Amino acid sequence: MHSPHCNAGLAEQEIWGYLLTHYAISALICAAATSAGIDPDRVKFKRTVRVIRRAVGPTFPPEHFQPILADLTQKKNLNPLRRHRTCPRAVKRGRHNDYRVKKPADRNTRHDAPATLRLANPVKTLAAA
């Protein structure tokens, strides 16, 4: 939003541009992480934007795609591994919210593996049938 006097159509177009750019960067992160065999959450978003700006410039030729994927999964562009733990929802001070106030006895729960989801009533699709 460059000017308060721009028309609503241009503002909407700019918002869609930002959303599509974010989606394209997220898709690139997923492709890079999948090809490297790592969790996409470990690839840093802001670092990815910098890598793309540095490598691409105003155009995006196809020959730049593979080197960018390889660059995104270098150790310096990754978040550290996450510990497998869960924490109860609590706040340090109860002010203007309904969350429970954290107590000194509240501790994290550590797990041996990442959390998994199990569907209670899975829906069968045509592809699975």
C-alpha atoms as a PDB file:
ATOM      1  CA  MET A   1       0.000   0.000   0.000  1.00  0.00           C
ATOM      2  CA  HIS A   2       2.056   2.845  -1.314  1.00  0.00           C
ATOM      3  CA  SER A   3      -0.390   5.732  -1.161  1.00  0.00           C
ATOM      4  CA  PRO A   4      -3.516   6.451   0.829  1.00  0.00           C
ATOM      5  CA  HIS A   5      -5.031   7.864  -2.376  1.00  0.00           C
ATOM      6  CA  CYS A   6      -4.722   4.727  -4.524  1.00  0.00           C
ATOM      7  CA  ASN A   7      -7.947   3.113  -5.634  1.00  0.00           C
ATOM      8  CA  ALA A   8      -9.362  -0.008  -3.944  1.00  0.00           C
ATOM      9  CA  GLY A   9      -8.761  -2.214  -6.996  1.00  0.00           C
ATOM     10  CA  LEU A  10      -5.037  -1.521  -6.963  1.00  0.00           C
ATOM     11  CA  ALA A  11      -4.838  -2.110  -3.208  1.00  0.00           C
ATOM     12  CA  GLU A  12      -6.602  -5.451  -3.609  1.00  0.00           C
ATOM     13  CA  GLN A  13      -4.262  -6.378  -6.458  1.00  0.00           C
ATOM     14  CA  GLU A  14      -1.244  -5.570  -4.298  1.00  0.00           C
ATOM     15  CA  ILE A  15      -2.580  -7.713  -1.429  1.00  0.00           C
ATOM     16  CA  TRP A  16      -3.096 -10.631  -3.829  1.00  0.00           C
ATOM     17  CA  GLY A  17       0.462 -10.113  -5.068  1.00  0.00           C
ATOM     18  CA  TYR A  18       1.825 -10.389  -1.528  1.00  0.00           C
ATOM     19  CA  LEU A  19      -0.281 -13.495  -0.819  1.00  0.00           C
ATOM     20  CA  LEU A  20       0.823 -15.214  -4.033  1.00  0.00           C
ATOM     21  CA  THR A  21       4.457 -14.351  -3.360  1.00  0.00           C
ATOM     22  CA  HIS A  22       4.189 -15.816   0.142  1.00  0.00           C
ATOM     23  CA  TYR A  23       2.580 -18.957  -1.296  1.00  0.00           C
ATOM     24  CA  ALA A  24       5.297 -19.314  -3.956  1.00  0.00           C
ATOM     25  CA  ILE A  25       8.068 -18.960  -1.352  1.00  0.00           C
ATOM     26  CA  SER A  26       6.350 -21.506   0.915  1.00  0.00           C
ATOM     27  CA  ALA A  27       6.030 -23.931  -2.012  1.00  0.00           C
ATOM     28  CA  LEU A  28       9.736 -23.470  -2.780  1.00  0.00           C
ATOM     29  CA  ILE A  29      10.573 -24.187   0.876  1.00  0.00           C
ATOM     30  CA  CYS A  30       8.466 -27.371   0.778  1.00  0.00           C
ATOM     31  CA  ALA A  31      10.132 -28.525  -2.448  1.00  0.00           C
ATOM     32  CA  ALA A  32      13.620 -27.881  -1.053  1.00  0.00           C
ATOM     33  CA  ALA A  33      12.870 -29.606   2.255  1.00  0.00           C
ATOM     34  CA  THR A  34      11.256 -32.608   0.576  1.00  0.00           C
ATOM     35  CA  SER A  35      14.197 -33.099  -1.776  1.00  0.00           C
ATOM     36  CA  ALA A  36      16.627 -32.845   1.168  1.00  0.00           C
ATOM     37  CA  GLY A  37      14.531 -35.118   3.391  1.00  0.00           C
ATOM     38  CA  ILE A  38      14.016 -32.585   6.186  1.00  0.00           C
ATOM     39  CA  ASP A  39      10.993 -31.005   7.857  1.00  0.00           C
ATOM     40  CA  PRO A  40       9.841 -27.850   5.979  1.00  0.00           C
ATOM     41  CA  ASP A  41       9.408 -26.055   9.328  1.00  0.00           C
ATOM     42  CA  ARG A  42      13.179 -26.090   9.735  1.00  0.00           C
ATOM     43  CA  VAL A  43      13.802 -23.896   6.661  1.00  0.00           C
ATOM     44  CA  LYS A  44      13.887 -20.216   7.644  1.00  0.00           C
ATOM     45  CA  PHE A  45      11.414 -18.059   5.723  1.00  0.00           C
ATOM     46  CA  LYS A  46      13.310 -14.759   5.916  1.00  0.00           C
ATOM     47  CA  ARG A  47      16.552 -16.479   4.946  1.00  0.00           C
ATOM     48  CA  THR A  48      14.742 -18.023   1.970  1.00  0.00           C
ATOM     49  CA  VAL A  49      13.599 -14.581   0.812  1.00  0.00           C
ATOM     50  CA  ARG A  50      17.207 -13.358   0.965  1.00  0.00           C
ATOM     51  CA  VAL A  51      18.499 -16.389  -0.970  1.00  0.00           C
ATOM     52  CA  ILE A  52      15.880 -15.869  -3.681  1.00  0.00           C
ATOM     53  CA  ARG A  53      16.605 -12.133  -3.979  1.00  0.00           C
ATOM     54  CA  ARG A  54      20.339 -12.756  -4.200  1.00  0.00           C
ATOM     55  CA  ALA A  55      20.067 -15.570  -6.756  1.00  0.00           C
ATOM     56  CA  VAL A  56      17.260 -14.429  -8.997  1.00  0.00           C
ATOM     57  CA  GLY A  57      17.131 -10.696  -9.474  1.00  0.00           C
ATOM     58  CA  PRO A  58      14.259  -9.379 -11.613  1.00  0.00           C
ATOM     59  CA  THR A  59      13.685 -12.671 -13.495  1.00  0.00           C
ATOM     60  CA  PHE A  60      13.533 -16.329 -12.518  1.00  0.00           C
ATOM     61  CA  PRO A  61      15.136 -18.508 -15.200  1.00  0.00           C
ATOM     62  CA  PRO A  62      14.586 -22.277 -14.735  1.00  0.00           C
ATOM     63  CA  GLU A  63      18.322 -22.973 -14.444  1.00  0.00           C
ATOM     64  CA  HIS A  64      18.344 -21.095 -11.092  1.00  0.00           C
ATOM     65  CA  PHE A  65      15.786 -23.435  -9.515  1.00  0.00           C
ATOM     66  CA  GLN A  66      18.022 -26.386  -8.490  1.00  0.00           C
ATOM     67  CA  PRO A  67      20.861 -24.275  -7.016  1.00  0.00           C
ATOM     68  CA  ILE A  68      18.316 -22.316  -4.964  1.00  0.00           C
ATOM     69  CA  LEU A  69      16.797 -25.554  -3.618  1.00  0.00           C
ATOM     70  CA  ALA A  70      20.259 -26.757  -2.617  1.00  0.00           C
ATOM     71  CA  ASP A  71      21.123 -23.418  -0.999  1.00  0.00           C
ATOM     72  CA  LEU A  72      17.932 -23.328   1.083  1.00  0.00           C
ATOM     73  CA  THR A  73      18.750 -26.579   2.867  1.00  0.00           C
ATOM     74  CA  GLN A  74      22.268 -25.611   3.939  1.00  0.00           C
ATOM     75  CA  LYS A  75      22.756 -25.676   7.698  1.00  0.00           C
ATOM     76  CA  LYS A  76      22.972 -21.876   7.990  1.00  0.00           C
ATOM     77  CA  ASN A  77      19.473 -21.568   6.481  1.00  0.00           C
ATOM     78  CA  LEU A  78      17.826 -24.057   8.851  1.00  0.00           C
ATOM     79  CA  ASN A  79      16.193 -23.606  12.215  1.00  0.00           C
ATOM     80  CA  PRO A  80      17.566 -25.857  14.964  1.00  0.00           C
ATOM     81  CA  LEU A  81      15.912 -29.211  15.562  1.00  0.00           C
ATOM     82  CA  ARG A  82      12.893 -28.905  17.812  1.00  0.00           C
ATOM     83  CA  ARG A  83      12.677 -30.778  21.064  1.00  0.00           C
ATOM     84  CA  HIS A  84       9.742 -33.155  21.295  1.00  0.00           C
ATOM     85  CA  ARG A  85       7.808 -31.613  24.151  1.00  0.00           C
ATOM     86  CA  THR A  86       4.425 -30.227  25.050  1.00  0.00           C
ATOM     87  CA  CYS A  87       3.636 -27.374  27.378  1.00  0.00           C
ATOM     88  CA  PRO A  88       0.350 -26.615  29.112  1.00  0.00           C
ATOM     89  CA  ARG A  89      -1.336 -23.435  27.909  1.00  0.00           C
ATOM     90  CA  ALA A  90      -0.664 -20.816  30.595  1.00  0.00           C
ATOM     91  CA  VAL A  91       0.390 -17.194  30.985  1.00  0.00           C
ATOM     92  CA  LYS A  92       2.806 -15.659  33.471  1.00  0.00           C
ATOM     93  CA  ARG A  93       0.334 -13.016  34.654  1.00  0.00           C
ATOM     94  CA  GLY A  94      -3.439 -13.168  34.420  1.00  0.00           C
ATOM     95  CA  ARG A  95      -4.523  -9.811  33.069  1.00  0.00           C
ATOM     96  CA  HIS A  96      -7.080  -9.463  30.298  1.00  0.00           C
ATOM     97  CA  ASN A  97      -7.446 -13.053  29.186  1.00  0.00           C
ATOM     98  CA  ASP A  98      -9.014 -16.312  30.265  1.00  0.00           C
ATOM     99  CA  TYR A  99      -5.863 -18.449  30.226  1.00  0.00           C
ATOM    100  CA  ARG A 100      -4.729 -20.198  33.348  1.00  0.00           C
ATOM    101  CA  VAL A 101      -1.872 -18.513  35.260  1.00  0.00           C
ATOM    102  CA  LYS A 102       1.374 -20.495  35.189  1.00  0.00           C
ATOM    103  CA  LYS A 103       2.394 -22.081  38.488  1.00  0.00           C
ATOM    104  CA  PRO A 104       5.919 -22.970  39.668  1.00  0.00           C
ATOM    105  CA  ALA A 105       5.019 -26.662  39.509  1.00  0.00           C
ATOM    106  CA  ASP A 106       4.140 -26.483  35.780  1.00  0.00           C
ATOM    107  CA  ARG A 107       6.718 -28.361  33.739  1.00  0.00           C
ATOM    108  CA  ASN A 108       7.131 -29.328  30.113  1.00  0.00           C
ATOM    109  CA  THR A 109       6.434 -32.891  29.092  1.00  0.00           C
ATOM    110  CA  ARG A 110       9.221 -34.422  26.990  1.00  0.00           C
ATOM    111  CA  HIS A 111       8.494 -37.122  24.411  1.00  0.00           C
ATOM    112  CA  ASP A 112      10.704 -39.631  22.600  1.00  0.00           C
ATOM    113  CA  ALA A 113       9.199 -38.878  19.177  1.00  0.00           C
ATOM    114  CA  PRO A 114       7.277 -36.071  17.496  1.00  0.00           C
ATOM    115  CA  ALA A 115       3.574 -35.764  18.176  1.00  0.00           C
ATOM    116  CA  THR A 116       1.272 -37.718  15.894  1.00  0.00           C
ATOM    117  CA  LEU A 117      -2.380 -37.220  15.075  1.00  0.00           C
ATOM    118  CA  ARG A 118      -4.844 -40.090  14.934  1.00  0.00           C
ATOM    119  CA  LEU A 119      -8.180 -39.567  13.295  1.00  0.00           C
ATOM    120  CA  ALA A 120     -11.032 -40.979  15.368  1.00  0.00           C
ATOM    121  CA  ASN A 121     -13.380 -41.389  12.393  1.00  0.00           C
ATOM    122  CA  PRO A 122     -11.293 -41.249   9.208  1.00  0.00           C
ATOM    123  CA  VAL A 123     -13.253 -40.486   6.050  1.00  0.00           C
ATOM    124  CA  LYS A 124     -12.671 -42.795   3.124  1.00  0.00           C
ATOM    125  CA  THR A 125     -12.073 -40.997  -0.140  1.00  0.00           C
ATOM    126  CA  LEU A 126     -12.469 -42.334  -3.656  1.00  0.00           C
ATOM    127  CA  ALA A 127      -8.677 -42.521  -4.056  1.00  0.00           C
ATOM    128  CA  ALA A 128      -8.325 -44.642  -0.874  1.00  0.00           C
ATOM    129  CA  ALA A 129     -11.259 -46.937  -1.717  1.00  0.00           C
END
